[in-house]
PDB file of N, CA and C in Angstrom:
ATOM      1  N   MET A   1     115.518 112.937   1.277  1.00  0.00           N
ATOM      2  CA  MET A   1     115.570 114.257   0.712  1.00  0.00           C
ATOM      3  C   MET A   1     116.662 115.063   1.373  1.00  0.00           C
ATOM      4  N   LEU A   2     117.241 115.966   0.627  1.00  0.00           N
ATOM      5  CA  LEU A   2     118.298 116.823   1.107  1.00  0.00           C
ATOM      6  C   LEU A   2     117.751 118.233   1.255  1.00  0.00           C
ATOM      7  N   GLY A   3     117.971 118.872   2.402  1.00  0.00           N
ATOM      8  CA  GLY A   3     117.488 120.232   2.622  1.00  0.00           C
ATOM      9  C   GLY A   3     118.632 121.222   2.660  1.00  0.00           C
ATOM     10  N   LEU A   4     118.539 122.290   1.884  1.00  0.00           N
ATOM     11  CA  LEU A   4     119.539 123.345   1.856  1.00  0.00           C
ATOM     12  C   LEU A   4     118.860 124.657   2.188  1.00  0.00           C
ATOM     13  N   LEU A   5     119.463 125.465   3.067  1.00  0.00           N
ATOM     14  CA  LEU A   5     118.862 126.734   3.450  1.00  0.00           C
ATOM     15  C   LEU A   5     119.031 127.751   2.331  1.00  0.00           C
ATOM     16  N   ASN A   6     117.924 128.333   1.928  1.00  0.00           N
ATOM     17  CA  ASN A   6     117.913 129.407   0.947  1.00  0.00           C
ATOM     18  C   ASN A   6     117.263 130.592   1.650  1.00  0.00           C
ATOM     19  N   SER A   7     118.059 131.525   2.118  1.00  0.00           N
ATOM     20  CA  SER A   7     117.546 132.600   2.976  1.00  0.00           C
ATOM     21  C   SER A   7     116.499 133.458   2.293  1.00  0.00           C
ATOM     22  N   LYS A   8     116.484 133.474   0.963  1.00  0.00           N
ATOM     23  CA  LYS A   8     115.525 134.307   0.241  1.00  0.00           C
ATOM     24  C   LYS A   8     114.126 133.708   0.236  1.00  0.00           C
ATOM     25  N   SER A   9     114.044 132.396   0.090  1.00  0.00           N
ATOM     26  CA  SER A   9     112.704 131.843  -0.107  1.00  0.00           C
ATOM     27  C   SER A   9     112.427 130.527   0.607  1.00  0.00           C
ATOM     28  N   GLY A  10     113.195 130.160   1.612  1.00  0.00           N
ATOM     29  CA  GLY A  10     112.873 128.945   2.348  1.00  0.00           C
ATOM     30  C   GLY A  10     113.992 127.926   2.310  1.00  0.00           C
ATOM     31  N   ILE A  11     113.641 126.675   2.553  1.00  0.00           N
ATOM     32  CA  ILE A  11     114.611 125.584   2.567  1.00  0.00           C
ATOM     33  C   ILE A  11     114.462 124.784   1.279  1.00  0.00           C
ATOM     34  N   ARG A  12     115.544 124.674   0.518  1.00  0.00           N
ATOM     35  CA  ARG A  12     115.513 123.917  -0.733  1.00  0.00           C
ATOM     36  C   ARG A  12     115.476 122.433  -0.420  1.00  0.00           C
ATOM     37  N   MET A  13     114.449 121.760  -0.889  1.00  0.00           N
ATOM     38  CA  MET A  13     114.291 120.321  -0.691  1.00  0.00           C
ATOM     39  C   MET A  13     114.374 119.649  -2.058  1.00  0.00           C
ATOM     40  N   ILE A  14     115.251 118.670  -2.159  1.00  0.00           N
ATOM     41  CA  ILE A  14     115.443 117.948  -3.407  1.00  0.00           C
ATOM     42  C   ILE A  14     114.814 116.573  -3.233  1.00  0.00           C
ATOM     43  N   GLY A  15     113.779 116.307  -3.994  1.00  0.00           N
ATOM     44  CA  GLY A  15     113.051 115.051  -3.862  1.00  0.00           C
ATOM     45  C   GLY A  15     113.783 113.877  -4.474  1.00  0.00           C
ATOM     46  N   ASN A  16     113.288 112.702  -4.188  1.00  0.00           N
ATOM     47  CA  ASN A  16     113.830 111.473  -4.762  1.00  0.00           C
ATOM     48  C   ASN A  16     113.402 111.339  -6.216  1.00  0.00           C
ATOM     49  N   TRP A  17     114.166 110.547  -6.984  1.00  0.00           N
ATOM     50  CA  TRP A  17     113.729 110.203  -8.334  1.00  0.00           C
ATOM     51  C   TRP A  17     112.555 109.239  -8.208  1.00  0.00           C
ATOM     52  N   VAL A  18     111.469 109.528  -8.913  1.00  0.00           N
ATOM     53  CA  VAL A  18     110.265 108.706  -8.856  1.00  0.00           C
ATOM     54  C   VAL A  18     110.023 108.119 -10.241  1.00  0.00           C
ATOM     55  N   ASN A  19     110.017 106.780 -10.318  1.00  0.00           N
ATOM     56  CA  ASN A  19     109.758 106.109 -11.581  1.00  0.00           C
ATOM     57  C   ASN A  19     108.262 105.901 -11.753  1.00  0.00           C
ATOM     58  N   MET A  20     107.731 106.333 -12.876  1.00  0.00           N
ATOM     59  CA  MET A  20     106.307 106.134 -13.169  1.00  0.00           C
ATOM     60  C   MET A  20     106.200 105.088 -14.278  1.00  0.00           C
ATOM     61  N   ALA A  21     105.933 103.857 -13.867  1.00  0.00           N
ATOM     62  CA  ALA A  21     105.897 102.745 -14.808  1.00  0.00           C
ATOM     63  C   ALA A  21     104.533 102.568 -15.472  1.00  0.00           C
ATOM     64  N   LEU A  22     103.491 103.191 -14.912  1.00  0.00           N
ATOM     65  CA  LEU A  22     102.145 103.047 -15.464  1.00  0.00           C
ATOM     66  C   LEU A  22     101.604 104.409 -15.881  1.00  0.00           C
ATOM     67  N   ALA A  23     100.920 104.443 -17.009  1.00  0.00           N
ATOM     68  CA  ALA A  23     100.397 105.695 -17.547  1.00  0.00           C
ATOM     69  C   ALA A  23      98.964 105.942 -17.087  1.00  0.00           C
ATOM     70  N   GLY A  24      98.532 107.190 -17.204  1.00  0.00           N
ATOM     71  CA  GLY A  24      97.139 107.545 -16.960  1.00  0.00           C
ATOM     72  C   GLY A  24      96.893 108.137 -15.593  1.00  0.00           C
ATOM     73  N   ILE A  25      95.831 108.923 -15.517  1.00  0.00           N
ATOM     74  CA  ILE A  25      95.497 109.652 -14.293  1.00  0.00           C
ATOM     75  C   ILE A  25      95.202 108.714 -13.126  1.00  0.00           C
ATOM     76  N   GLY A  26      94.696 107.531 -13.404  1.00  0.00           N
ATOM     77  CA  GLY A  26      94.411 106.564 -12.346  1.00  0.00           C
ATOM     78  C   GLY A  26      95.663 106.019 -11.679  1.00  0.00           C
ATOM     79  N   ASN A  27      96.817 106.229 -12.323  1.00  0.00           N
ATOM     80  CA  ASN A  27      98.092 105.751 -11.787  1.00  0.00           C
ATOM     81  C   ASN A  27      98.981 106.886 -11.301  1.00  0.00           C
ATOM     82  N   ALA A  28      98.389 108.034 -10.984  1.00  0.00           N
ATOM     83  CA  ALA A  28      99.162 109.173 -10.494  1.00  0.00           C
ATOM     84  C   ALA A  28      99.867 108.805  -9.191  1.00  0.00           C
ATOM     85  N   VAL A  29     101.100 109.274  -9.052  1.00  0.00           N
ATOM     86  CA  VAL A  29     101.896 108.994  -7.861  1.00  0.00           C
ATOM     87  C   VAL A  29     102.402 110.310  -7.266  1.00  0.00           C
ATOM     88  N   PRO A  30     102.662 110.332  -5.949  1.00  0.00           N
ATOM     89  CA  PRO A  30     103.229 111.550  -5.360  1.00  0.00           C
ATOM     90  C   PRO A  30     104.700 111.702  -5.756  1.00  0.00           C
ATOM     91  N   VAL A  31     105.052 112.844  -6.332  1.00  0.00           N
ATOM     92  CA  VAL A  31     106.449 113.103  -6.687  1.00  0.00           C
ATOM     93  C   VAL A  31     107.097 114.054  -5.689  1.00  0.00           C
ATOM     94  N   TYR A  32     106.285 114.737  -4.882  1.00  0.00           N
ATOM     95  CA  TYR A  32     106.809 115.510  -3.753  1.00  0.00           C
ATOM     96  C   TYR A  32     105.763 115.499  -2.657  1.00  0.00           C
ATOM     97  N   GLN A  33     106.182 115.058  -1.478  1.00  0.00           N
ATOM     98  CA  GLN A  33     105.282 115.033  -0.326  1.00  0.00           C
ATOM     99  C   GLN A  33     105.755 116.060   0.680  1.00  0.00           C
ATOM    100  N   ILE A  34     104.838 116.921   1.096  1.00  0.00           N
ATOM    101  CA  ILE A  34     105.171 117.998   2.016  1.00  0.00           C
ATOM    102  C   ILE A  34     105.568 117.413   3.374  1.00  0.00           C
ATOM    103  N   SER A  35     106.538 118.041   4.027  1.00  0.00           N
ATOM    104  CA  SER A  35     106.996 117.574   5.341  1.00  0.00           C
ATOM    105  C   SER A  35     105.844 117.615   6.338  1.00  0.00           C
ATOM    106  N   ASN A  36     105.731 116.585   7.154  1.00  0.00           N
ATOM    107  CA  ASN A  36     104.646 116.539   8.139  1.00  0.00           C
ATOM    108  C   ASN A  36     105.137 116.020   9.482  1.00  0.00           C
ATOM    109  N   LEU A  37     106.275 116.530   9.920  1.00  0.00           N
ATOM    110  CA  LEU A  37     106.807 116.119  11.218  1.00  0.00           C
ATOM    111  C   LEU A  37     105.884 116.594  12.331  1.00  0.00           C
ATOM    112  N   ALA A  38     105.749 115.805  13.372  1.00  0.00           N
ATOM    113  CA  ALA A  38     104.826 116.120  14.468  1.00  0.00           C
ATOM    114  C   ALA A  38     105.191 117.425  15.177  1.00  0.00           C
ATOM    115  N   ALA A  39     106.467 117.797  15.194  1.00  0.00           N
ATOM    116  CA  ALA A  39     106.904 119.005  15.903  1.00  0.00           C
ATOM    117  C   ALA A  39     106.563 120.295  15.149  1.00  0.00           C
ATOM    118  N   MET A  40     106.170 120.186  13.871  1.00  0.00           N
ATOM    119  CA  MET A  40     105.874 121.380  13.084  1.00  0.00           C
ATOM    120  C   MET A  40     104.494 121.919  13.422  1.00  0.00           C
ATOM    121  N   VAL A  41     104.396 123.229  13.496  1.00  0.00           N
ATOM    122  CA  VAL A  41     103.102 123.867  13.713  1.00  0.00           C
ATOM    123  C   VAL A  41     102.855 124.855  12.585  1.00  0.00           C
ATOM    124  N   GLY A  42     101.590 125.151  12.344  1.00  0.00           N
ATOM    125  CA  GLY A  42     101.242 126.086  11.284  1.00  0.00           C
ATOM    126  C   GLY A  42     101.150 125.410   9.929  1.00  0.00           C
ATOM    127  N   VAL A  43     100.824 126.197   8.943  1.00  0.00           N
ATOM    128  CA  VAL A  43     100.641 125.686   7.584  1.00  0.00           C
ATOM    129  C   VAL A  43     101.982 125.660   6.861  1.00  0.00           C
ATOM    130  N   LYS A  44     102.306 124.542   6.242  1.00  0.00           N
ATOM    131  CA  LYS A  44     103.501 124.424   5.417  1.00  0.00           C
ATOM    132  C   LYS A  44     103.095 124.591   3.969  1.00  0.00           C
ATOM    133  N   SER A  45     103.909 125.287   3.218  1.00  0.00           N
ATOM    134  CA  SER A  45     103.700 125.375   1.782  1.00  0.00           C
ATOM    135  C   SER A  45     105.062 125.307   1.108  1.00  0.00           C
ATOM    136  N   TYR A  46     105.064 125.203  -0.194  1.00  0.00           N
ATOM    137  CA  TYR A  46     106.320 125.138  -0.940  1.00  0.00           C
ATOM    138  C   TYR A  46     106.119 125.725  -2.328  1.00  0.00           C
ATOM    139  N   LYS A  47     107.225 126.212  -2.885  1.00  0.00           N
ATOM    140  CA  LYS A  47     107.242 126.715  -4.256  1.00  0.00           C
ATOM    141  C   LYS A  47     108.076 125.755  -5.091  1.00  0.00           C
ATOM    142  N   ILE A  48     107.524 125.347  -6.211  1.00  0.00           N
ATOM    143  CA  ILE A  48     108.274 124.486  -7.125  1.00  0.00           C
ATOM    144  C   ILE A  48     109.394 125.304  -7.753  1.00  0.00           C
ATOM    145  N   LYS A  49     110.620 124.771  -7.704  1.00  0.00           N
ATOM    146  CA  LYS A  49     111.773 125.470  -8.265  1.00  0.00           C
ATOM    147  C   LYS A  49     112.315 124.784  -9.517  1.00  0.00           C
ATOM    148  N   ARG A  50     112.324 123.439  -9.523  1.00  0.00           N
ATOM    149  CA  ARG A  50     112.858 122.721 -10.685  1.00  0.00           C
ATOM    150  C   ARG A  50     112.180 121.365 -10.786  1.00  0.00           C
ATOM    151  N   ILE A  51     111.838 121.008 -12.013  1.00  0.00           N
ATOM    152  CA  ILE A  51     111.320 119.673 -12.311  1.00  0.00           C
ATOM    153  C   ILE A  51     112.224 119.062 -13.373  1.00  0.00           C
ATOM    154  N   THR A  52     112.766 117.887 -13.084  1.00  0.00           N
ATOM    155  CA  THR A  52     113.611 117.179 -14.038  1.00  0.00           C
ATOM    156  C   THR A  52     112.911 115.887 -14.429  1.00  0.00           C
ATOM    157  N   ILE A  53     112.819 115.639 -15.738  1.00  0.00           N
ATOM    158  CA  ILE A  53     112.126 114.446 -16.242  1.00  0.00           C
ATOM    159  C   ILE A  53     113.056 113.697 -17.183  1.00  0.00           C
ATOM    160  N   LEU A  54     113.121 112.383 -17.032  1.00  0.00           N
ATOM    161  CA  LEU A  54     113.847 111.522 -17.956  1.00  0.00           C
ATOM    162  C   LEU A  54     112.858 110.542 -18.553  1.00  0.00           C
ATOM    163  N   ASP A  55     112.746 110.553 -19.880  1.00  0.00           N
ATOM    164  CA  ASP A  55     111.845 109.643 -20.597  1.00  0.00           C
ATOM    165  C   ASP A  55     112.697 108.597 -21.298  1.00  0.00           C
ATOM    166  N   VAL A  56     112.625 107.353 -20.828  1.00  0.00           N
ATOM    167  CA  VAL A  56     113.406 106.279 -21.448  1.00  0.00           C
ATOM    168  C   VAL A  56     112.534 105.419 -22.358  1.00  0.00           C
ATOM    169  N   GLY A  57     111.361 105.934 -22.696  1.00  0.00           N
ATOM    170  CA  GLY A  57     110.449 105.220 -23.586  1.00  0.00           C
ATOM    171  C   GLY A  57     110.515 105.804 -24.988  1.00  0.00           C
ATOM    172  N   ALA A  58     109.370 106.010 -25.576  1.00  0.00           N
ATOM    173  CA  ALA A  58     109.276 106.464 -26.960  1.00  0.00           C
ATOM    174  C   ALA A  58     109.525 107.957 -27.127  1.00  0.00           C
ATOM    175  N   GLY A  59     109.482 108.722 -26.049  1.00  0.00           N
ATOM    176  CA  GLY A  59     109.657 110.171 -26.153  1.00  0.00           C
ATOM    177  C   GLY A  59     108.359 110.851 -26.543  1.00  0.00           C
ATOM    178  N   GLY A  60     108.316 112.164 -26.402  1.00  0.00           N
ATOM    179  CA  GLY A  60     107.125 112.925 -26.744  1.00  0.00           C
ATOM    180  C   GLY A  60     105.973 112.691 -25.784  1.00  0.00           C
ATOM    181  N   THR A  61     106.263 112.230 -24.577  1.00  0.00           N
ATOM    182  CA  THR A  61     105.236 111.948 -23.583  1.00  0.00           C
ATOM    183  C   THR A  61     104.858 113.216 -22.839  1.00  0.00           C
ATOM    184  N   LEU A  62     103.570 113.423 -22.622  1.00  0.00           N
ATOM    185  CA  LEU A  62     103.124 114.523 -21.775  1.00  0.00           C
ATOM    186  C   LEU A  62     103.116 114.047 -20.332  1.00  0.00           C
ATOM    187  N   VAL A  63     103.719 114.845 -19.439  1.00  0.00           N
ATOM    188  CA  VAL A  63     103.728 114.528 -18.019  1.00  0.00           C
ATOM    189  C   VAL A  63     102.934 115.615 -17.308  1.00  0.00           C
ATOM    190  N   HIS A  64     101.946 115.203 -16.532  1.00  0.00           N
ATOM    191  CA  HIS A  64     101.039 116.120 -15.842  1.00  0.00           C
ATOM    192  C   HIS A  64     101.429 116.217 -14.370  1.00  0.00           C
ATOM    193  N   PHE A  65     101.291 117.423 -13.800  1.00  0.00           N
ATOM    194  CA  PHE A  65     101.591 117.666 -12.391  1.00  0.00           C
ATOM    195  C   PHE A  65     100.415 118.390 -11.772  1.00  0.00           C
ATOM    196  N   GLY A  66      99.948 117.891 -10.627  1.00  0.00           N
ATOM    197  CA  GLY A  66      98.805 118.536  -9.995  1.00  0.00           C
ATOM    198  C   GLY A  66      98.606 118.069  -8.571  1.00  0.00           C
ATOM    199  N   THR A  67      97.418 118.358  -8.059  1.00  0.00           N
ATOM    200  CA  THR A  67      97.071 117.996  -6.693  1.00  0.00           C
ATOM    201  C   THR A  67      95.828 117.124  -6.705  1.00  0.00           C
ATOM    202  N   GLY A  68      95.632 116.378  -5.629  1.00  0.00           N
ATOM    203  CA  GLY A  68      94.475 115.496  -5.523  1.00  0.00           C
ATOM    204  C   GLY A  68      94.915 114.052  -5.486  1.00  0.00           C
ATOM    205  N   ALA A  69      93.956 113.159  -5.389  1.00  0.00           N
ATOM    206  CA  ALA A  69      94.235 111.723  -5.324  1.00  0.00           C
ATOM    207  C   ALA A  69      94.322 111.141  -6.725  1.00  0.00           C
ATOM    208  N   ALA A  70      94.949 109.962  -6.823  1.00  0.00           N
ATOM    209  CA  ALA A  70      95.019 109.268  -8.107  1.00  0.00           C
ATOM    210  C   ALA A  70      93.614 109.104  -8.670  1.00  0.00           C
ATOM    211  N   GLY A  71      93.438 109.416  -9.930  1.00  0.00           N
ATOM    212  CA  GLY A  71      92.134 109.347 -10.571  1.00  0.00           C
ATOM    213  C   GLY A  71      91.399 110.669 -10.559  1.00  0.00           C
ATOM    214  N   ALA A  72      91.864 111.620  -9.732  1.00  0.00           N
ATOM    215  CA  ALA A  72      91.191 112.922  -9.632  1.00  0.00           C
ATOM    216  C   ALA A  72      92.203 114.053  -9.484  1.00  0.00           C
ATOM    217  N   VAL A  73      93.319 113.975 -10.201  1.00  0.00           N
ATOM    218  CA  VAL A  73      94.370 114.987 -10.112  1.00  0.00           C
ATOM    219  C   VAL A  73      93.981 116.206 -10.942  1.00  0.00           C
ATOM    220  N   VAL A  74      94.078 117.387 -10.321  1.00  0.00           N
ATOM    221  CA  VAL A  74      93.804 118.652 -11.000  1.00  0.00           C
ATOM    222  C   VAL A  74      95.143 119.316 -11.282  1.00  0.00           C
ATOM    223  N   ASP A  75      95.398 119.669 -12.549  1.00  0.00           N
ATOM    224  CA  ASP A  75      96.689 120.246 -12.929  1.00  0.00           C
ATOM    225  C   ASP A  75      97.008 121.507 -12.140  1.00  0.00           C
ATOM    226  N   ALA A  76      98.244 121.577 -11.614  1.00  0.00           N
ATOM    227  CA  ALA A  76      98.720 122.762 -10.905  1.00  0.00           C
ATOM    228  C   ALA A  76      99.616 123.611 -11.804  1.00  0.00           C
ATOM    229  N   ILE A  77     100.244 122.964 -12.789  1.00  0.00           N
ATOM    230  CA  ILE A  77     101.079 123.658 -13.770  1.00  0.00           C
ATOM    231  C   ILE A  77     100.785 123.036 -15.131  1.00  0.00           C
ATOM    232  N   PRO A  78     101.147 123.719 -16.224  1.00  0.00           N
ATOM    233  CA  PRO A  78     100.944 123.119 -17.542  1.00  0.00           C
ATOM    234  C   PRO A  78     101.739 121.820 -17.701  1.00  0.00           C
ATOM    235  N   SER A  79     101.222 120.909 -18.497  1.00  0.00           N
ATOM    236  CA  SER A  79     101.910 119.637 -18.756  1.00  0.00           C
ATOM    237  C   SER A  79     103.244 119.902 -19.448  1.00  0.00           C
ATOM    238  N   ILE A  80     104.194 118.988 -19.235  1.00  0.00           N
ATOM    239  CA  ILE A  80     105.527 119.109 -19.824  1.00  0.00           C
ATOM    240  C   ILE A  80     105.720 117.947 -20.786  1.00  0.00           C
ATOM    241  N   ARG A  81     106.182 118.253 -22.019  1.00  0.00           N
ATOM    242  CA  ARG A  81     106.434 117.209 -23.023  1.00  0.00           C
ATOM    243  C   ARG A  81     107.896 116.778 -22.948  1.00  0.00           C
ATOM    244  N   THR A  82     108.122 115.476 -23.010  1.00  0.00           N
ATOM    245  CA  THR A  82     109.471 114.925 -22.880  1.00  0.00           C
ATOM    246  C   THR A  82     110.118 114.685 -24.245  1.00  0.00           C
ATOM    247  N   VAL A  83     111.424 114.396 -24.190  1.00  0.00           N
ATOM    248  CA  VAL A  83     112.206 114.022 -25.361  1.00  0.00           C
ATOM    249  C   VAL A  83     112.862 112.690 -25.034  1.00  0.00           C
ATOM    250  N   ASN A  84     112.880 111.748 -25.984  1.00  0.00           N
ATOM    251  CA  ASN A  84     113.403 110.412 -25.731  1.00  0.00           C
ATOM    252  C   ASN A  84     114.861 110.447 -25.281  1.00  0.00           C
ATOM    253  N   ASN A  85     115.138 109.763 -24.157  1.00  0.00           N
ATOM    254  CA  ASN A  85     116.482 109.620 -23.597  1.00  0.00           C
ATOM    255  C   ASN A  85     117.182 110.951 -23.337  1.00  0.00           C
ATOM    256  N   GLN A  86     116.440 111.988 -23.041  1.00  0.00           N
ATOM    257  CA  GLN A  86     116.997 113.301 -22.708  1.00  0.00           C
ATOM    258  C   GLN A  86     116.397 113.772 -21.394  1.00  0.00           C
ATOM    259  N   ASN A  87     117.178 114.492 -20.613  1.00  0.00           N
ATOM    260  CA  ASN A  87     116.635 115.150 -19.434  1.00  0.00           C
ATOM    261  C   ASN A  87     115.889 116.394 -19.877  1.00  0.00           C
ATOM    262  N   VAL A  88     114.670 116.549 -19.403  1.00  0.00           N
ATOM    263  CA  VAL A  88     113.913 117.768 -19.626  1.00  0.00           C
ATOM    264  C   VAL A  88     113.847 118.484 -18.286  1.00  0.00           C
ATOM    265  N   VAL A  89     114.338 119.718 -18.244  1.00  0.00           N
ATOM    266  CA  VAL A  89     114.399 120.462 -16.995  1.00  0.00           C
ATOM    267  C   VAL A  89     113.579 121.740 -17.124  1.00  0.00           C
ATOM    268  N   MET A  90     112.621 121.903 -16.219  1.00  0.00           N
ATOM    269  CA  MET A  90     111.837 123.139 -16.141  1.00  0.00           C
ATOM    270  C   MET A  90     112.246 123.833 -14.850  1.00  0.00           C
ATOM    271  N   GLU A  91     112.701 125.082 -14.964  1.00  0.00           N
ATOM    272  CA  GLU A  91     113.092 125.843 -13.781  1.00  0.00           C
ATOM    273  C   GLU A  91     112.149 127.021 -13.602  1.00  0.00           C
ATOM    274  N   TYR A  92     111.824 127.310 -12.347  1.00  0.00           N
ATOM    275  CA  TYR A  92     110.942 128.415 -11.997  1.00  0.00           C
ATOM    276  C   TYR A  92     111.694 129.363 -11.080  1.00  0.00           C
ATOM    277  N   ASP A  93     111.523 130.673 -11.301  1.00  0.00           N
ATOM    278  CA  ASP A  93     112.155 131.627 -10.385  1.00  0.00           C
ATOM    279  C   ASP A  93     111.149 132.030  -9.313  1.00  0.00           C
ATOM    280  N   ASP A  94     111.536 132.952  -8.451  1.00  0.00           N
ATOM    281  CA  ASP A  94     110.683 133.329  -7.322  1.00  0.00           C
ATOM    282  C   ASP A  94     109.361 133.943  -7.755  1.00  0.00           C
ATOM    283  N   ASP A  95     109.310 134.506  -8.954  1.00  0.00           N
ATOM    284  CA  ASP A  95     108.103 135.197  -9.395  1.00  0.00           C
ATOM    285  C   ASP A  95     107.079 134.283 -10.066  1.00  0.00           C
ATOM    286  N   ASN A  96     107.534 133.223 -10.726  1.00  0.00           N
ATOM    287  CA  ASN A  96     106.567 132.434 -11.492  1.00  0.00           C
ATOM    288  C   ASN A  96     106.399 130.992 -11.038  1.00  0.00           C
ATOM    289  N   GLY A  97     107.072 130.568  -9.979  1.00  0.00           N
ATOM    290  CA  GLY A  97     106.892 129.205  -9.493  1.00  0.00           C
ATOM    291  C   GLY A  97     105.599 129.070  -8.709  1.00  0.00           C
ATOM    292  N   PRO A  98     104.805 128.044  -8.991  1.00  0.00           N
ATOM    293  CA  PRO A  98     103.557 127.869  -8.250  1.00  0.00           C
ATOM    294  C   PRO A  98     103.813 127.517  -6.793  1.00  0.00           C
ATOM    295  N   GLU A  99     102.973 128.027  -5.902  1.00  0.00           N
ATOM    296  CA  GLU A  99     103.072 127.721  -4.473  1.00  0.00           C
ATOM    297  C   GLU A  99     101.918 126.805  -4.087  1.00  0.00           C
ATOM    298  N   LEU A 100     102.246 125.693  -3.442  1.00  0.00           N
ATOM    299  CA  LEU A 100     101.250 124.695  -3.072  1.00  0.00           C
ATOM    300  C   LEU A 100     101.371 124.355  -1.593  1.00  0.00           C
ATOM    301  N   ALA A 101     100.286 123.840  -1.021  1.00  0.00           N
ATOM    302  CA  ALA A 101     100.294 123.445   0.387  1.00  0.00           C
ATOM    303  C   ALA A 101      99.866 121.993   0.561  1.00  0.00           C
ATOM    304  N   VAL A 102      99.836 121.225  -0.522  1.00  0.00           N
ATOM    305  CA  VAL A 102      99.485 119.805  -0.484  1.00  0.00           C
ATOM    306  C   VAL A 102     100.485 119.037  -1.344  1.00  0.00           C
ATOM    307  N   ASP A 103     100.467 117.706  -1.248  1.00  0.00           N
ATOM    308  CA  ASP A 103     101.393 116.877  -2.013  1.00  0.00           C
ATOM    309  C   ASP A 103     101.231 117.109  -3.511  1.00  0.00           C
ATOM    310  N   LEU A 104     102.354 117.038  -4.228  1.00  0.00           N
ATOM    311  CA  LEU A 104     102.355 117.179  -5.679  1.00  0.00           C
ATOM    312  C   LEU A 104     102.279 115.792  -6.308  1.00  0.00           C
ATOM    313  N   MET A 105     101.269 115.576  -7.129  1.00  0.00           N
ATOM    314  CA  MET A 105     101.063 114.293  -7.801  1.00  0.00           C
ATOM    315  C   MET A 105     101.454 114.432  -9.269  1.00  0.00           C
ATOM    316  N   SER A 106     101.783 113.316  -9.903  1.00  0.00           N
ATOM    317  CA  SER A 106     102.150 113.348 -11.311  1.00  0.00           C
ATOM    318  C   SER A 106     101.760 112.042 -11.994  1.00  0.00           C
ATOM    319  N   TYR A 107     101.505 112.151 -13.288  1.00  0.00           N
ATOM    320  CA  TYR A 107     101.270 110.957 -14.102  1.00  0.00           C
ATOM    321  C   TYR A 107     101.620 111.271 -15.549  1.00  0.00           C
ATOM    322  N   PRO A 108     102.161 110.282 -16.273  1.00  0.00           N
ATOM    323  CA  PRO A 108     102.476 110.471 -17.687  1.00  0.00           C
ATOM    324  C   PRO A 108     101.355 109.926 -18.571  1.00  0.00           C
ATOM    325  N   ASP A 109     101.332 110.392 -19.826  1.00  0.00           N
ATOM    326  CA  ASP A 109     100.390 109.837 -20.800  1.00  0.00           C
ATOM    327  C   ASP A 109     100.880 108.486 -21.327  1.00  0.00           C
ATOM    328  N   ALA A 110     102.186 108.232 -21.224  1.00  0.00           N
ATOM    329  CA  ALA A 110     102.759 106.943 -21.606  1.00  0.00           C
ATOM    330  C   ALA A 110     103.737 106.530 -20.504  1.00  0.00           C
ATOM    331  N   ALA A 111     103.983 105.244 -20.390  1.00  0.00           N
ATOM    332  CA  ALA A 111     104.797 104.740 -19.285  1.00  0.00           C
ATOM    333  C   ALA A 111     106.286 105.034 -19.458  1.00  0.00           C
ATOM    334  N   THR A 112     107.054 104.664 -18.457  1.00  0.00           N
ATOM    335  CA  THR A 112     108.510 104.726 -18.417  1.00  0.00           C
ATOM    336  C   THR A 112     109.045 106.156 -18.398  1.00  0.00           C
ATOM    337  N   VAL A 113     108.615 106.904 -17.399  1.00  0.00           N
ATOM    338  CA  VAL A 113     109.094 108.264 -17.160  1.00  0.00           C
ATOM    339  C   VAL A 113     109.570 108.341 -15.715  1.00  0.00           C
ATOM    340  N   THR A 114     110.696 109.014 -15.491  1.00  0.00           N
ATOM    341  CA  THR A 114     111.235 109.211 -14.154  1.00  0.00           C
ATOM    342  C   THR A 114     111.303 110.706 -13.872  1.00  0.00           C
ATOM    343  N   VAL A 115     110.862 111.121 -12.671  1.00  0.00           N
ATOM    344  CA  VAL A 115     110.728 112.540 -12.334  1.00  0.00           C
ATOM    345  C   VAL A 115     111.420 112.845 -11.012  1.00  0.00           C
ATOM    346  N   GLN A 116     112.047 114.021 -10.943  1.00  0.00           N
ATOM    347  CA  GLN A 116     112.585 114.553  -9.685  1.00  0.00           C
ATOM    348  C   GLN A 116     112.128 116.003  -9.557  1.00  0.00           C
ATOM    349  N   VAL A 117     111.680 116.380  -8.362  1.00  0.00           N
ATOM    350  CA  VAL A 117     111.177 117.729  -8.114  1.00  0.00           C
ATOM    351  C   VAL A 117     112.008 118.380  -7.018  1.00  0.00           C
ATOM    352  N   GLU A 118     112.378 119.651  -7.238  1.00  0.00           N
ATOM    353  CA  GLU A 118     113.047 120.454  -6.201  1.00  0.00           C
ATOM    354  C   GLU A 118     112.101 121.588  -5.832  1.00  0.00           C
ATOM    355  N   VAL A 119     111.979 121.845  -4.537  1.00  0.00           N
ATOM    356  CA  VAL A 119     111.093 122.900  -4.062  1.00  0.00           C
ATOM    357  C   VAL A 119     111.796 123.724  -2.993  1.00  0.00           C
ATOM    358  N   ASP A 120     111.253 124.891  -2.714  1.00  0.00           N
ATOM    359  CA  ASP A 120     111.626 125.670  -1.535  1.00  0.00           C
ATOM    360  C   ASP A 120     110.461 125.579  -0.565  1.00  0.00           C
ATOM    361  N   GLU A 121     110.695 124.913   0.592  1.00  0.00           N
ATOM    362  CA  GLU A 121     109.633 124.820   1.610  1.00  0.00           C
ATOM    363  C   GLU A 121     109.585 126.120   2.396  1.00  0.00           C
ATOM    364  N   ILE A 122     108.368 126.620   2.589  1.00  0.00           N
ATOM    365  CA  ILE A 122     108.142 127.900   3.244  1.00  0.00           C
ATOM    366  C   ILE A 122     107.295 127.656   4.490  1.00  0.00           C
ATOM    367  N   GLY A 123     107.582 128.362   5.570  1.00  0.00           N
ATOM    368  CA  GLY A 123     106.745 128.296   6.768  1.00  0.00           C
ATOM    369  C   GLY A 123     106.952 127.093   7.620  1.00  0.00           C
TER     370      GLY A 123
END
């Protein structure tokens, strides 16, 4: 991950591209994992700034984002519908981006979706 200082709202962290080859809530994977270095103290949280999705399958796939373990993910933001072979980009500003303090999980309703998440880490 690449970290960029954003003096207004934290450190911008750009996550890796995560390929989701299996569909369904039981196959949810972490698309952003909060930093957990031993030297850090206090509670870490982050605000989602951008979600980029590439659907190389049939298109029209719903991609869910939430918290919890695979099989028990609770939506943190509304699902995003994809377009075949197009990048779908959702951007959030400082006022409407959700703030979370746990790993962000994701799963598609159909397979062959790739996701990248950018966040501002706070605290």
